[in-house]
Amino acid sequence: RPPARGRRAVKLFRALLGLLYPPKCPFCGRILERGKEGLCARCQRALPWTQPGGGAAQGCDACLAPLYYQSGVRDGVHRYKFGGGAGHAKLFGQLMAQCLADRWDGPVDLITWAPLHPERRRRRGYDQAELLARRVGELAGVPVAPALEKIRATGAQSHLQDERERRANVEGAYRPLPQADLAGKRVVLVDDVLTTGATMAQCAACLRSAGAETVVGLTLAWAGQHLDSTSHPE
C-alpha cells in the first residue's frame, strides 16, 4: 500500500484530471455533475431502450441489445469507434452485461467477439468489440477469449445500405481460431451494433462450425425501429 503522501498525490492528480477533462455523458456529451459517472439524467430518461425480443441473425439462438441505434446512441457509438472514445467501453459494457443478465437465463461458458481485421485494429488502436466483450465478461464472471479471426479486409458495413451487399461484404471474411476450444460451448458473441445481422451471422456460422452448441448475439445497439413516441427518431 503506498504511503499517505503518495495517496494524497494520486488524489490530487485525479482531481486535476477531473478539472481538465471532466467526465461527460458518452451519448450526448454533456459534462456530468461532480462525482457522477455514466449517463446524464436526461439520457437515462430519454435514450431509446429496447424491450425483450427484436433483433435476429441467422445462426444465433438470440440477439440481445439494451438500446436502439438512434439519435444519441448513434452519436455515442461513433465517438466510441472513431473518436478515440475507448474509455466508453466501461459504461457500454455495463449496459450490455445488464441486458444479458435480464434477458438470457441459459448458461454461458465463453464470451467472445466479432474481431476487426488486424490492419483496421492497428489504425484504430483498439478493437471496440473486444473491449465490450472483456467488460461484459468481467461483470458477468464469465471467461473471455478470442475465438475468431478476420482474414479478409472488408469495407465498412455502415457504408452499405442493401442487405445483400452487407452479406456479400462479409462472406468468407472470418474463420475460427485453430486453438479455440468451442466444442459443446455456450457462447456469447459480442459486437457493437446489429443492423442486418450479416456480420453476426457469419461469425455465428464460424462458431457453430467449430462446435459451439449455443450462440447468443449481444450488441450495445440494434438498428430496429423504436416505436415509442418519446424517442428521438432518426
C-alpha atoms as a PDB file:
ATOM      1  CA  ARG A   1       0.000   0.000   0.000  1.00  0.00           C
ATOM      2  CA  PRO A   2       1.510   3.401  -0.952  1.00  0.00           C
ATOM      3  CA  PRO A   3       2.383   5.796   1.888  1.00  0.00           C
ATOM      4  CA  ALA A   4      -0.050   8.575   2.850  1.00  0.00           C
ATOM      5  CA  ARG A   5       1.921  11.194   0.919  1.00  0.00           C
ATOM      6  CA  GLY A   6       1.742   9.042  -2.225  1.00  0.00           C
ATOM      7  CA  ARG A   7      -2.007   8.523  -1.818  1.00  0.00           C
ATOM      8  CA  ARG A   8      -2.541  12.266  -1.455  1.00  0.00           C
ATOM      9  CA  ALA A   9      -0.518  12.868  -4.622  1.00  0.00           C
ATOM     10  CA  VAL A  10      -2.646  10.354  -6.535  1.00  0.00           C
ATOM     11  CA  LYS A  11      -5.856  12.018  -5.310  1.00  0.00           C
ATOM     12  CA  LEU A  12      -4.549  15.440  -6.298  1.00  0.00           C
ATOM     13  CA  PHE A  13      -3.570  14.173  -9.749  1.00  0.00           C
ATOM     14  CA  ARG A  14      -7.026  12.673 -10.266  1.00  0.00           C
ATOM     15  CA  ALA A  15      -8.671  15.909  -9.116  1.00  0.00           C
ATOM     16  CA  LEU A  16      -6.595  17.889 -11.616  1.00  0.00           C
ATOM     17  CA  LEU A  17      -7.539  15.477 -14.382  1.00  0.00           C
ATOM     18  CA  GLY A  18     -11.186  15.931 -13.420  1.00  0.00           C
ATOM     19  CA  LEU A  19     -10.839  19.683 -13.827  1.00  0.00           C
ATOM     20  CA  LEU A  20      -9.009  19.466 -17.146  1.00  0.00           C
ATOM     21  CA  TYR A  21     -11.049  16.592 -18.549  1.00  0.00           C
ATOM     22  CA  PRO A  22     -14.375  16.457 -16.706  1.00  0.00           C
ATOM     23  CA  PRO A  23     -16.377  13.255 -17.244  1.00  0.00           C
ATOM     24  CA  LYS A  24     -19.016  13.538 -19.940  1.00  0.00           C
ATOM     25  CA  CYS A  25     -22.075  11.512 -20.851  1.00  0.00           C
ATOM     26  CA  PRO A  26     -20.929   9.250 -23.710  1.00  0.00           C
ATOM     27  CA  PHE A  27     -24.202   9.682 -25.596  1.00  0.00           C
ATOM     28  CA  CYS A  28     -24.905  13.429 -25.517  1.00  0.00           C
ATOM     29  CA  GLY A  29     -21.507  14.794 -24.479  1.00  0.00           C
ATOM     30  CA  ARG A  30     -22.842  16.808 -21.530  1.00  0.00           C
ATOM     31  CA  ILE A  31     -20.457  17.345 -18.628  1.00  0.00           C
ATOM     32  CA  LEU A  32     -21.625  15.270 -15.676  1.00  0.00           C
ATOM     33  CA  GLU A  33     -22.199  16.614 -12.190  1.00  0.00           C
ATOM     34  CA  ARG A  34     -19.227  16.463  -9.872  1.00  0.00           C
ATOM     35  CA  GLY A  35     -18.692  12.931  -8.599  1.00  0.00           C
ATOM     36  CA  LYS A  36     -21.044  11.397 -11.167  1.00  0.00           C
ATOM     37  CA  GLU A  37     -20.144   8.768 -13.761  1.00  0.00           C
ATOM     38  CA  GLY A  38     -22.023   7.058 -16.567  1.00  0.00           C
ATOM     39  CA  LEU A  39     -25.170   8.545 -18.067  1.00  0.00           C
ATOM     40  CA  CYS A  40     -26.505  12.039 -17.537  1.00  0.00           C
ATOM     41  CA  ALA A  41     -30.008  12.243 -16.061  1.00  0.00           C
ATOM     42  CA  ARG A  42     -31.520  13.304 -19.386  1.00  0.00           C
ATOM     43  CA  CYS A  43     -30.125  10.334 -21.324  1.00  0.00           C
ATOM     44  CA  GLN A  44     -31.134   7.966 -18.543  1.00  0.00           C
ATOM     45  CA  ARG A  45     -34.738   9.009 -19.236  1.00  0.00           C
ATOM     46  CA  ALA A  46     -34.681   9.694 -22.968  1.00  0.00           C
ATOM     47  CA  LEU A  47     -32.480   7.030 -24.546  1.00  0.00           C
ATOM     48  CA  PRO A  48     -34.379   4.542 -26.748  1.00  0.00           C
ATOM     49  CA  TRP A  49     -34.219   1.473 -24.519  1.00  0.00           C
ATOM     50  CA  THR A  50     -35.256  -1.782 -26.157  1.00  0.00           C
ATOM     51  CA  GLN A  51     -37.746  -4.325 -24.910  1.00  0.00           C
ATOM     52  CA  PRO A  52     -37.119  -8.098 -24.920  1.00  0.00           C
ATOM     53  CA  GLY A  53     -37.169  -9.532 -28.421  1.00  0.00           C
ATOM     54  CA  GLY A  54     -36.328  -7.652 -31.574  1.00  0.00           C
ATOM     55  CA  GLY A  55     -33.077  -8.335 -33.392  1.00  0.00           C
ATOM     56  CA  ALA A  56     -32.168 -11.600 -35.074  1.00  0.00           C
ATOM     57  CA  ALA A  57     -29.281 -13.098 -37.016  1.00  0.00           C
ATOM     58  CA  GLN A  58     -29.041 -16.463 -38.728  1.00  0.00           C
ATOM     59  CA  GLY A  59     -27.231 -18.990 -36.549  1.00  0.00           C
ATOM     60  CA  CYS A  60     -27.904 -17.163 -33.276  1.00  0.00           C
ATOM     61  CA  ASP A  61     -30.230 -18.555 -30.640  1.00  0.00           C
ATOM     62  CA  ALA A  62     -31.000 -14.972 -29.610  1.00  0.00           C
ATOM     63  CA  CYS A  63     -29.782 -11.444 -30.314  1.00  0.00           C
ATOM     64  CA  LEU A  64     -29.846  -9.023 -27.388  1.00  0.00           C
ATOM     65  CA  ALA A  65     -29.219  -5.277 -27.158  1.00  0.00           C
ATOM     66  CA  PRO A  66     -30.108  -2.698 -24.495  1.00  0.00           C
ATOM     67  CA  LEU A  67     -30.583   0.208 -26.934  1.00  0.00           C
ATOM     68  CA  TYR A  68     -31.912   1.104 -30.357  1.00  0.00           C
ATOM     69  CA  TYR A  69     -29.357   2.588 -32.746  1.00  0.00           C
ATOM     70  CA  GLN A  70     -30.913   6.030 -32.978  1.00  0.00           C
ATOM     71  CA  SER A  71     -30.065   9.692 -32.272  1.00  0.00           C
ATOM     72  CA  GLY A  72     -27.772   9.982 -29.252  1.00  0.00           C
ATOM     73  CA  VAL A  73     -26.956   6.268 -29.298  1.00  0.00           C
ATOM     74  CA  ARG A  74     -25.606   6.569 -32.829  1.00  0.00           C
ATOM     75  CA  ASP A  75     -23.546   9.595 -31.786  1.00  0.00           C
ATOM     76  CA  GLY A  76     -22.163   7.731 -28.792  1.00  0.00           C
ATOM     77  CA  VAL A  77     -21.180   4.705 -30.874  1.00  0.00           C
ATOM     78  CA  HIS A  78     -19.438   6.943 -33.426  1.00  0.00           C
ATOM     79  CA  ARG A  79     -17.446   8.672 -30.687  1.00  0.00           C
ATOM     80  CA  TYR A  80     -16.541   5.286 -29.250  1.00  0.00           C
ATOM     81  CA  LYS A  81     -15.372   3.799 -32.551  1.00  0.00           C
ATOM     82  CA  PHE A  82     -13.992   6.756 -34.474  1.00  0.00           C
ATOM     83  CA  GLY A  83     -13.373   9.481 -31.909  1.00  0.00           C
ATOM     84  CA  GLY A  84     -10.866   7.723 -29.687  1.00  0.00           C
ATOM     85  CA  GLY A  85     -13.504   7.047 -27.059  1.00  0.00           C
ATOM     86  CA  ALA A  86     -12.208   3.671 -25.913  1.00  0.00           C
ATOM     87  CA  GLY A  87     -12.999   4.608 -22.310  1.00  0.00           C
ATOM     88  CA  HIS A  88     -16.718   4.464 -23.093  1.00  0.00           C
ATOM     89  CA  ALA A  89     -16.435   0.659 -23.171  1.00  0.00           C
ATOM     90  CA  LYS A  90     -16.750   0.658 -19.379  1.00  0.00           C
ATOM     91  CA  LEU A  91     -20.301   2.036 -19.378  1.00  0.00           C
ATOM     92  CA  PHE A  92     -21.382   0.458 -22.669  1.00  0.00           C
ATOM     93  CA  GLY A  93     -20.243  -2.968 -21.482  1.00  0.00           C
ATOM     94  CA  GLN A  94     -22.112  -2.445 -18.214  1.00  0.00           C
ATOM     95  CA  LEU A  95     -25.350  -1.789 -20.106  1.00  0.00           C
ATOM     96  CA  MET A  96     -24.772  -4.907 -22.211  1.00  0.00           C
ATOM     97  CA  ALA A  97     -23.963  -7.088 -19.209  1.00  0.00           C
ATOM     98  CA  GLN A  98     -27.182  -5.993 -17.525  1.00  0.00           C
ATOM     99  CA  CYS A  99     -29.144  -6.752 -20.698  1.00  0.00           C
ATOM    100  CA  LEU A 100     -27.604 -10.226 -20.854  1.00  0.00           C
ATOM    101  CA  ALA A 101     -28.430 -10.901 -17.198  1.00  0.00           C
ATOM    102  CA  ASP A 102     -32.020  -9.683 -17.627  1.00  0.00           C
ATOM    103  CA  ARG A 103     -32.859 -11.407 -20.911  1.00  0.00           C
ATOM    104  CA  TRP A 104     -30.840 -14.611 -21.148  1.00  0.00           C
ATOM    105  CA  ASP A 105     -31.365 -17.259 -18.495  1.00  0.00           C
ATOM    106  CA  GLY A 106     -29.306 -20.025 -20.098  1.00  0.00           C
ATOM    107  CA  PRO A 107     -25.750 -20.997 -19.107  1.00  0.00           C
ATOM    108  CA  VAL A 108     -22.780 -19.221 -20.708  1.00  0.00           C
ATOM    109  CA  ASP A 109     -19.334 -20.815 -20.986  1.00  0.00           C
ATOM    110  CA  LEU A 110     -17.477 -18.219 -23.018  1.00  0.00           C
ATOM    111  CA  ILE A 111     -17.730 -14.631 -24.203  1.00  0.00           C
ATOM    112  CA  THR A 112     -16.014 -13.722 -27.464  1.00  0.00           C
ATOM    113  CA  TRP A 113     -16.339 -11.016 -30.122  1.00  0.00           C
ATOM    114  CA  ALA A 114     -16.521 -10.268 -33.837  1.00  0.00           C
ATOM    115  CA  PRO A 115     -12.929  -9.100 -34.435  1.00  0.00           C
ATOM    116  CA  LEU A 116     -11.584  -6.299 -36.578  1.00  0.00           C
ATOM    117  CA  HIS A 117      -9.120  -7.033 -39.353  1.00  0.00           C
ATOM    118  CA  PRO A 118      -5.568  -6.579 -37.938  1.00  0.00           C
ATOM    119  CA  GLU A 119      -4.871  -3.588 -40.199  1.00  0.00           C
ATOM    120  CA  ARG A 120      -8.008  -1.742 -39.077  1.00  0.00           C
ATOM    121  CA  ARG A 121      -7.264  -2.536 -35.457  1.00  0.00           C
ATOM    122  CA  ARG A 122      -3.765  -1.124 -35.900  1.00  0.00           C
ATOM    123  CA  ARG A 123      -5.133   2.118 -37.347  1.00  0.00           C
ATOM    124  CA  ARG A 124      -7.815   2.496 -34.681  1.00  0.00           C
ATOM    125  CA  GLY A 125      -5.608   1.473 -31.794  1.00  0.00           C
ATOM    126  CA  TYR A 126      -8.152  -0.892 -30.264  1.00  0.00           C
ATOM    127  CA  ASP A 127     -10.890  -3.346 -31.193  1.00  0.00           C
ATOM    128  CA  GLN A 128     -14.173  -1.858 -29.970  1.00  0.00           C
ATOM    129  CA  ALA A 129     -15.953  -5.233 -29.808  1.00  0.00           C
ATOM    130  CA  GLU A 130     -13.129  -6.788 -27.804  1.00  0.00           C
ATOM    131  CA  LEU A 131     -13.251  -4.031 -25.196  1.00  0.00           C
ATOM    132  CA  LEU A 132     -17.006  -4.512 -24.839  1.00  0.00           C
ATOM    133  CA  ALA A 133     -16.640  -8.288 -24.563  1.00  0.00           C
ATOM    134  CA  ARG A 134     -13.991  -8.013 -21.870  1.00  0.00           C
ATOM    135  CA  ARG A 135     -16.118  -5.606 -19.842  1.00  0.00           C
ATOM    136  CA  VAL A 136     -19.179  -7.867 -20.153  1.00  0.00           C
ATOM    137  CA  GLY A 137     -17.125 -10.878 -19.087  1.00  0.00           C
ATOM    138  CA  GLU A 138     -15.700  -9.001 -16.116  1.00  0.00           C
ATOM    139  CA  LEU A 139     -19.166  -8.084 -14.858  1.00  0.00           C
ATOM    140  CA  ALA A 140     -20.805 -11.414 -15.708  1.00  0.00           C
ATOM    141  CA  GLY A 141     -17.985 -13.514 -14.243  1.00  0.00           C
ATOM    142  CA  VAL A 142     -17.603 -15.470 -17.491  1.00  0.00           C
ATOM    143  CA  PRO A 143     -14.300 -16.278 -19.265  1.00  0.00           C
ATOM    144  CA  VAL A 144     -13.473 -14.060 -22.253  1.00  0.00           C
ATOM    145  CA  ALA A 145     -11.253 -15.233 -25.095  1.00  0.00           C
ATOM    146  CA  PRO A 146     -10.745 -14.702 -28.832  1.00  0.00           C
ATOM    147  CA  ALA A 147     -12.370 -17.423 -30.912  1.00  0.00           C
ATOM    148  CA  LEU A 148     -12.406 -15.877 -34.400  1.00  0.00           C
ATOM    149  CA  GLU A 149     -10.077 -14.039 -36.733  1.00  0.00           C
ATOM    150  CA  LYS A 150     -10.879 -11.763 -39.630  1.00  0.00           C
ATOM    151  CA  ILE A 151      -8.862 -12.977 -42.588  1.00  0.00           C
ATOM    152  CA  ARG A 152     -10.108 -10.598 -45.258  1.00  0.00           C
ATOM    153  CA  ALA A 153     -10.273  -6.826 -45.019  1.00  0.00           C
ATOM    154  CA  THR A 154     -13.747  -5.543 -45.849  1.00  0.00           C
ATOM    155  CA  GLY A 155     -15.332  -2.177 -46.423  1.00  0.00           C
ATOM    156  CA  ALA A 156     -17.220  -0.699 -43.502  1.00  0.00           C
ATOM    157  CA  GLN A 157     -20.662  -2.272 -43.166  1.00  0.00           C
ATOM    158  CA  SER A 158     -22.051   1.122 -42.153  1.00  0.00           C
ATOM    159  CA  HIS A 159     -21.418   2.379 -45.688  1.00  0.00           C
ATOM    160  CA  LEU A 160     -23.660  -0.306 -47.191  1.00  0.00           C
ATOM    161  CA  GLN A 161     -27.438   0.021 -47.019  1.00  0.00           C
ATOM    162  CA  ASP A 162     -28.532  -3.009 -49.020  1.00  0.00           C
ATOM    163  CA  GLU A 163     -28.796  -6.258 -47.055  1.00  0.00           C
ATOM    164  CA  ARG A 164     -27.410  -8.316 -49.941  1.00  0.00           C
ATOM    165  CA  GLU A 165     -24.387  -6.038 -50.188  1.00  0.00           C
ATOM    166  CA  ARG A 166     -23.754  -6.393 -46.475  1.00  0.00           C
ATOM    167  CA  ARG A 167     -23.903 -10.196 -46.672  1.00  0.00           C
ATOM    168  CA  ALA A 168     -21.556 -10.266 -49.667  1.00  0.00           C
ATOM    169  CA  ASN A 169     -19.165  -7.865 -47.959  1.00  0.00           C
ATOM    170  CA  VAL A 170     -18.504 -10.235 -45.033  1.00  0.00           C
ATOM    171  CA  GLU A 171     -18.849 -13.556 -46.874  1.00  0.00           C
ATOM    172  CA  GLY A 172     -15.807 -15.666 -46.006  1.00  0.00           C
ATOM    173  CA  ALA A 173     -14.198 -12.835 -44.011  1.00  0.00           C
ATOM    174  CA  TYR A 174     -13.967 -14.775 -40.719  1.00  0.00           C
ATOM    175  CA  ARG A 175     -12.741 -18.161 -39.542  1.00  0.00           C
ATOM    176  CA  PRO A 176     -12.379 -19.886 -36.169  1.00  0.00           C
ATOM    177  CA  LEU A 177      -9.011 -19.654 -34.476  1.00  0.00           C
ATOM    178  CA  PRO A 178      -7.282 -23.059 -34.578  1.00  0.00           C
ATOM    179  CA  GLN A 179      -6.652 -23.019 -30.822  1.00  0.00           C
ATOM    180  CA  ALA A 180     -10.221 -22.086 -29.877  1.00  0.00           C
ATOM    181  CA  ASP A 181     -11.881 -24.834 -27.813  1.00  0.00           C
ATOM    182  CA  LEU A 182     -15.559 -24.431 -28.704  1.00  0.00           C
ATOM    183  CA  ALA A 183     -16.886 -27.992 -28.693  1.00  0.00           C
ATOM    184  CA  GLY A 184     -20.182 -28.029 -26.800  1.00  0.00           C
ATOM    185  CA  LYS A 185     -19.686 -24.462 -25.533  1.00  0.00           C
ATOM    186  CA  ARG A 186     -22.483 -21.957 -24.901  1.00  0.00           C
ATOM    187  CA  VAL A 187     -21.035 -18.776 -26.391  1.00  0.00           C
ATOM    188  CA  VAL A 188     -21.988 -15.093 -26.219  1.00  0.00           C
ATOM    189  CA  LEU A 189     -20.823 -13.283 -29.370  1.00  0.00           C
ATOM    190  CA  VAL A 190     -20.277  -9.545 -28.845  1.00  0.00           C
ATOM    191  CA  ASP A 191     -20.316  -6.729 -31.388  1.00  0.00           C
ATOM    192  CA  ASP A 192     -21.147  -3.028 -31.188  1.00  0.00           C
ATOM    193  CA  VAL A 193     -24.253  -2.705 -33.412  1.00  0.00           C
ATOM    194  CA  LEU A 194     -26.667  -5.186 -35.012  1.00  0.00           C
ATOM    195  CA  THR A 195     -28.029  -3.846 -38.298  1.00  0.00           C
ATOM    196  CA  THR A 196     -28.982  -6.512 -40.838  1.00  0.00           C
ATOM    197  CA  GLY A 197     -27.223  -9.245 -38.860  1.00  0.00           C
ATOM    198  CA  ALA A 198     -24.817 -10.102 -41.695  1.00  0.00           C
ATOM    199  CA  THR A 199     -21.637  -9.902 -39.598  1.00  0.00           C
ATOM    200  CA  MET A 200     -23.244 -11.656 -36.658  1.00  0.00           C
ATOM    201  CA  ALA A 201     -24.490 -14.459 -38.927  1.00  0.00           C
ATOM    202  CA  GLN A 202     -21.052 -15.010 -40.475  1.00  0.00           C
ATOM    203  CA  CYS A 203     -19.369 -15.129 -37.076  1.00  0.00           C
ATOM    204  CA  ALA A 204     -22.066 -17.389 -35.625  1.00  0.00           C
ATOM    205  CA  ALA A 205     -21.615 -19.811 -38.537  1.00  0.00           C
ATOM    206  CA  CYS A 206     -17.885 -19.981 -37.806  1.00  0.00           C
ATOM    207  CA  LEU A 207     -18.512 -20.647 -34.122  1.00  0.00           C
ATOM    208  CA  ARG A 208     -21.021 -23.377 -34.983  1.00  0.00           C
ATOM    209  CA  SER A 209     -18.583 -24.969 -37.431  1.00  0.00           C
ATOM    210  CA  ALA A 210     -16.054 -25.196 -34.594  1.00  0.00           C
ATOM    211  CA  GLY A 211     -18.563 -26.981 -32.357  1.00  0.00           C
ATOM    212  CA  ALA A 212     -20.336 -24.247 -30.398  1.00  0.00           C
ATOM    213  CA  GLU A 213     -23.642 -25.560 -29.046  1.00  0.00           C
ATOM    214  CA  THR A 214     -25.313 -22.196 -28.406  1.00  0.00           C
ATOM    215  CA  VAL A 215     -24.568 -18.744 -29.822  1.00  0.00           C
ATOM    216  CA  VAL A 216     -26.155 -15.644 -28.305  1.00  0.00           C
ATOM    217  CA  GLY A 217     -25.512 -12.348 -30.075  1.00  0.00           C
ATOM    218  CA  LEU A 218     -25.024  -9.358 -27.768  1.00  0.00           C
ATOM    219  CA  THR A 219     -24.597  -5.787 -29.004  1.00  0.00           C
ATOM    220  CA  LEU A 220     -24.878  -2.333 -27.500  1.00  0.00           C
ATOM    221  CA  ALA A 221     -27.493  -1.267 -30.030  1.00  0.00           C
ATOM    222  CA  TRP A 222     -29.913  -2.667 -32.568  1.00  0.00           C
ATOM    223  CA  ALA A 223     -30.845  -0.757 -35.716  1.00  0.00           C
ATOM    224  CA  GLY A 224     -34.525  -1.629 -35.438  1.00  0.00           C
ATOM    225  CA  GLN A 225     -37.477   0.724 -35.283  1.00  0.00           C
ATOM    226  CA  HIS A 226     -38.252   2.301 -31.921  1.00  0.00           C
ATOM    227  CA  LEU A 227     -41.980   2.968 -31.860  1.00  0.00           C
ATOM    228  CA  ASP A 228     -42.132   4.805 -28.543  1.00  0.00           C
ATOM    229  CA  SER A 229     -43.301   8.366 -29.254  1.00  0.00           C
ATOM    230  CA  THR A 230     -40.936   9.706 -26.603  1.00  0.00           C
ATOM    231  CA  SER A 231     -37.877   8.531 -28.548  1.00  0.00           C
ATOM    232  CA  HIS A 232     -35.723  10.658 -30.784  1.00  0.00           C
ATOM    233  CA  PRO A 233     -36.405   9.354 -34.313  1.00  0.00           C
ATOM    234  CA  GLU A 234     -33.742   9.094 -36.972  1.00  0.00           C
END
